[in-house]
Amino acid sequence: MQLNGILNGGILSTLLDCHGNWTAAIALMDRSCLPKPPLTLTASMLVSYKEPSPPDTELIVRSHVVAVRENQNPGLGKAAVEVDVAVLLPQADGSEKLLVQGTGIFKRLGALRAL
């Protein structure tokens, strides 16, 4: 999980992927007034590592929906959601230091999640 006191980048990218995926699913659920979030899959993910991430430290994960694109053409797939996600390190002065940022495209499948 860590190498030389730095959290592994694969763990951080997985965290961004999972958080972004749920952000997209909840956005689609809210947008369509669904009783449960739909299944969504990661179509693409770009991750940029800004600073080394320390282990055994509380981190903040934030995300927001950039765009929702509904496909109106039959046979060309379902909705896609673009999400920005960031991992932040709280600072003593109340500010936050950006450690990792990512942008993902998450595509909706037809089914709803079984929660």
C-alpha atoms as a PDB file:
ATOM      1  CA  MET A   1       0.000   0.000   0.000  1.00  0.00           C
ATOM      2  CA  GLN A   2       2.891   2.343   0.501  1.00  0.00           C
ATOM      3  CA  LEU A   3       6.443   2.686  -0.690  1.00  0.00           C
ATOM      4  CA  ASN A   4       8.897   4.865   1.197  1.00  0.00           C
ATOM      5  CA  GLY A   5       6.135   6.639   3.102  1.00  0.00           C
ATOM      6  CA  ILE A   6       4.026   7.447   0.038  1.00  0.00           C
ATOM      7  CA  LEU A   7       0.563   6.044  -0.679  1.00  0.00           C
ATOM      8  CA  ASN A   8       0.516   3.924  -3.854  1.00  0.00           C
ATOM      9  CA  GLY A   9      -0.865   5.727  -6.919  1.00  0.00           C
ATOM     10  CA  GLY A  10      -2.944   2.697  -7.894  1.00  0.00           C
ATOM     11  CA  ILE A  11      -4.863   2.932  -4.631  1.00  0.00           C
ATOM     12  CA  LEU A  12      -5.500   6.629  -5.222  1.00  0.00           C
ATOM     13  CA  SER A  13      -6.647   6.109  -8.820  1.00  0.00           C
ATOM     14  CA  THR A  14      -9.007   3.348  -7.655  1.00  0.00           C
ATOM     15  CA  LEU A  15     -10.416   5.733  -5.056  1.00  0.00           C
ATOM     16  CA  LEU A  16     -11.011   8.383  -7.752  1.00  0.00           C
ATOM     17  CA  ASP A  17     -12.599   5.803 -10.059  1.00  0.00           C
ATOM     18  CA  CYS A  18     -15.001   4.482  -7.405  1.00  0.00           C
ATOM     19  CA  HIS A  19     -15.955   7.923  -6.116  1.00  0.00           C
ATOM     20  CA  GLY A  20     -16.450   9.253  -9.645  1.00  0.00           C
ATOM     21  CA  ASN A  21     -18.538   6.231 -10.618  1.00  0.00           C
ATOM     22  CA  TRP A  22     -20.903   6.728  -7.671  1.00  0.00           C
ATOM     23  CA  THR A  23     -21.088  10.468  -8.338  1.00  0.00           C
ATOM     24  CA  ALA A  24     -22.183   9.707 -11.913  1.00  0.00           C
ATOM     25  CA  ALA A  25     -24.712   7.085 -10.801  1.00  0.00           C
ATOM     26  CA  ILE A  26     -26.298   9.391  -8.212  1.00  0.00           C
ATOM     27  CA  ALA A  27     -26.433  12.239 -10.750  1.00  0.00           C
ATOM     28  CA  LEU A  28     -28.281  10.006 -13.221  1.00  0.00           C
ATOM     29  CA  MET A  29     -30.621   8.746 -10.483  1.00  0.00           C
ATOM     30  CA  ASP A  30     -31.480  12.305  -9.427  1.00  0.00           C
ATOM     31  CA  ARG A  31     -31.834  13.527 -13.013  1.00  0.00           C
ATOM     32  CA  SER A  32     -34.238  10.723 -13.965  1.00  0.00           C
ATOM     33  CA  CYS A  33     -36.037  10.423 -10.578  1.00  0.00           C
ATOM     34  CA  LEU A  34     -35.054   6.751 -10.318  1.00  0.00           C
ATOM     35  CA  PRO A  35     -35.647   4.753  -7.109  1.00  0.00           C
ATOM     36  CA  LYS A  36     -32.039   3.460  -7.183  1.00  0.00           C
ATOM     37  CA  PRO A  37     -28.856   4.547  -8.921  1.00  0.00           C
ATOM     38  CA  PRO A  38     -28.284   2.961 -12.343  1.00  0.00           C
ATOM     39  CA  LEU A  39     -25.296   0.783 -13.098  1.00  0.00           C
ATOM     40  CA  THR A  40     -22.459   2.833 -14.514  1.00  0.00           C
ATOM     41  CA  LEU A  41     -19.119   1.772 -15.950  1.00  0.00           C
ATOM     42  CA  THR A  42     -15.921   3.718 -16.350  1.00  0.00           C
ATOM     43  CA  ALA A  43     -15.359   4.563 -20.018  1.00  0.00           C
ATOM     44  CA  SER A  44     -12.199   6.599 -19.434  1.00  0.00           C
ATOM     45  CA  MET A  45     -10.232   8.086 -16.553  1.00  0.00           C
ATOM     46  CA  LEU A  46      -7.369  10.575 -16.594  1.00  0.00           C
ATOM     47  CA  VAL A  47      -5.473  10.914 -13.314  1.00  0.00           C
ATOM     48  CA  SER A  48      -2.815  13.520 -12.469  1.00  0.00           C
ATOM     49  CA  TYR A  49      -0.657  13.160  -9.367  1.00  0.00           C
ATOM     50  CA  LYS A  50       0.248  16.610  -8.020  1.00  0.00           C
ATOM     51  CA  GLU A  51       1.962  15.790  -4.707  1.00  0.00           C
ATOM     52  CA  PRO A  52       3.009  12.629  -2.854  1.00  0.00           C
ATOM     53  CA  SER A  53       0.171  11.323  -0.669  1.00  0.00           C
ATOM     54  CA  PRO A  54       1.114  10.351   2.881  1.00  0.00           C
ATOM     55  CA  PRO A  55      -0.206   7.084   4.367  1.00  0.00           C
ATOM     56  CA  ASP A  56      -2.114   6.899   7.663  1.00  0.00           C
ATOM     57  CA  THR A  57      -3.505  10.398   7.113  1.00  0.00           C
ATOM     58  CA  GLU A  58      -7.091  11.542   6.759  1.00  0.00           C
ATOM     59  CA  LEU A  59      -7.749  12.650   3.189  1.00  0.00           C
ATOM     60  CA  ILE A  60     -10.730  14.401   1.616  1.00  0.00           C
ATOM     61  CA  VAL A  61     -12.291  13.172  -1.635  1.00  0.00           C
ATOM     62  CA  ARG A  62     -14.470  15.630  -3.545  1.00  0.00           C
ATOM     63  CA  SER A  63     -16.247  15.302  -6.846  1.00  0.00           C
ATOM     64  CA  HIS A  64     -18.604  17.229  -9.052  1.00  0.00           C
ATOM     65  CA  VAL A  65     -20.468  16.529 -12.255  1.00  0.00           C
ATOM     66  CA  VAL A  66     -19.077  18.479 -15.212  1.00  0.00           C
ATOM     67  CA  ALA A  67     -21.643  17.338 -17.795  1.00  0.00           C
ATOM     68  CA  VAL A  68     -24.341  14.757 -18.472  1.00  0.00           C
ATOM     69  CA  ARG A  69     -24.794  13.757 -22.083  1.00  0.00           C
ATOM     70  CA  GLU A  70     -27.908  11.841 -23.029  1.00  0.00           C
ATOM     71  CA  ASN A  71     -27.659   9.937 -26.299  1.00  0.00           C
ATOM     72  CA  GLN A  72     -30.830  10.391 -28.339  1.00  0.00           C
ATOM     73  CA  ASN A  73     -29.808   8.020 -31.130  1.00  0.00           C
ATOM     74  CA  PRO A  74     -31.003   4.410 -30.787  1.00  0.00           C
ATOM     75  CA  GLY A  75     -28.240   1.833 -30.714  1.00  0.00           C
ATOM     76  CA  LEU A  76     -25.462   4.305 -29.898  1.00  0.00           C
ATOM     77  CA  GLY A  77     -25.329   3.721 -26.164  1.00  0.00           C
ATOM     78  CA  LYS A  78     -26.751   5.321 -23.069  1.00  0.00           C
ATOM     79  CA  ALA A  79     -26.030   8.467 -21.084  1.00  0.00           C
ATOM     80  CA  ALA A  80     -22.472   9.464 -20.245  1.00  0.00           C
ATOM     81  CA  VAL A  81     -21.455  11.552 -17.254  1.00  0.00           C
ATOM     82  CA  GLU A  82     -18.207  13.515 -16.984  1.00  0.00           C
ATOM     83  CA  VAL A  83     -16.995  13.868 -13.395  1.00  0.00           C
ATOM     84  CA  ASP A  84     -14.055  15.723 -11.851  1.00  0.00           C
ATOM     85  CA  VAL A  85     -12.651  14.148  -8.680  1.00  0.00           C
ATOM     86  CA  ALA A  86      -9.911  15.343  -6.321  1.00  0.00           C
ATOM     87  CA  VAL A  87      -8.021  13.949  -3.323  1.00  0.00           C
ATOM     88  CA  LEU A  88      -7.091  16.693  -0.873  1.00  0.00           C
ATOM     89  CA  LEU A  89      -4.960  16.845   2.259  1.00  0.00           C
ATOM     90  CA  PRO A  90      -6.353  19.071   5.055  1.00  0.00           C
ATOM     91  CA  GLN A  91      -3.819  21.638   6.282  1.00  0.00           C
ATOM     92  CA  ALA A  92      -3.424  22.993   9.823  1.00  0.00           C
ATOM     93  CA  ASP A  93      -4.594  26.457   8.714  1.00  0.00           C
ATOM     94  CA  GLY A  94      -7.892  25.060   7.392  1.00  0.00           C
ATOM     95  CA  SER A  95      -6.876  25.085   3.743  1.00  0.00           C
ATOM     96  CA  GLU A  96      -6.564  21.978   1.586  1.00  0.00           C
ATOM     97  CA  LYS A  97      -3.641  20.788  -0.519  1.00  0.00           C
ATOM     98  CA  LEU A  98      -4.431  19.119  -3.854  1.00  0.00           C
ATOM     99  CA  LEU A  99      -2.719  15.729  -4.051  1.00  0.00           C
ATOM    100  CA  VAL A 100      -4.454  13.982  -6.954  1.00  0.00           C
ATOM    101  CA  GLN A 101      -7.039  15.063  -9.496  1.00  0.00           C
ATOM    102  CA  GLY A 102      -8.904  13.124 -12.117  1.00  0.00           C
ATOM    103  CA  THR A 103     -11.567  13.385 -14.761  1.00  0.00           C
ATOM    104  CA  GLY A 104     -13.673  10.392 -15.702  1.00  0.00           C
ATOM    105  CA  ILE A 105     -16.362   9.545 -18.205  1.00  0.00           C
ATOM    106  CA  PHE A 106     -18.876   7.074 -16.794  1.00  0.00           C
ATOM    107  CA  LYS A 107     -21.498   5.411 -19.000  1.00  0.00           C
ATOM    108  CA  ARG A 108     -24.883   4.209 -17.871  1.00  0.00           C
ATOM    109  CA  LEU A 109     -25.999   0.627 -18.349  1.00  0.00           C
ATOM    110  CA  GLY A 110     -29.671  -0.293 -18.550  1.00  0.00           C
ATOM    111  CA  ALA A 111     -30.152  -1.858 -15.121  1.00  0.00           C
ATOM    112  CA  LEU A 112     -30.486  -0.303 -11.675  1.00  0.00           C
ATOM    113  CA  ARG A 113     -28.038  -1.204  -8.900  1.00  0.00           C
ATOM    114  CA  ALA A 114     -29.150  -3.767  -6.366  1.00  0.00           C
ATOM    115  CA  LEU A 115     -28.510  -1.931  -3.104  1.00  0.00           C
END
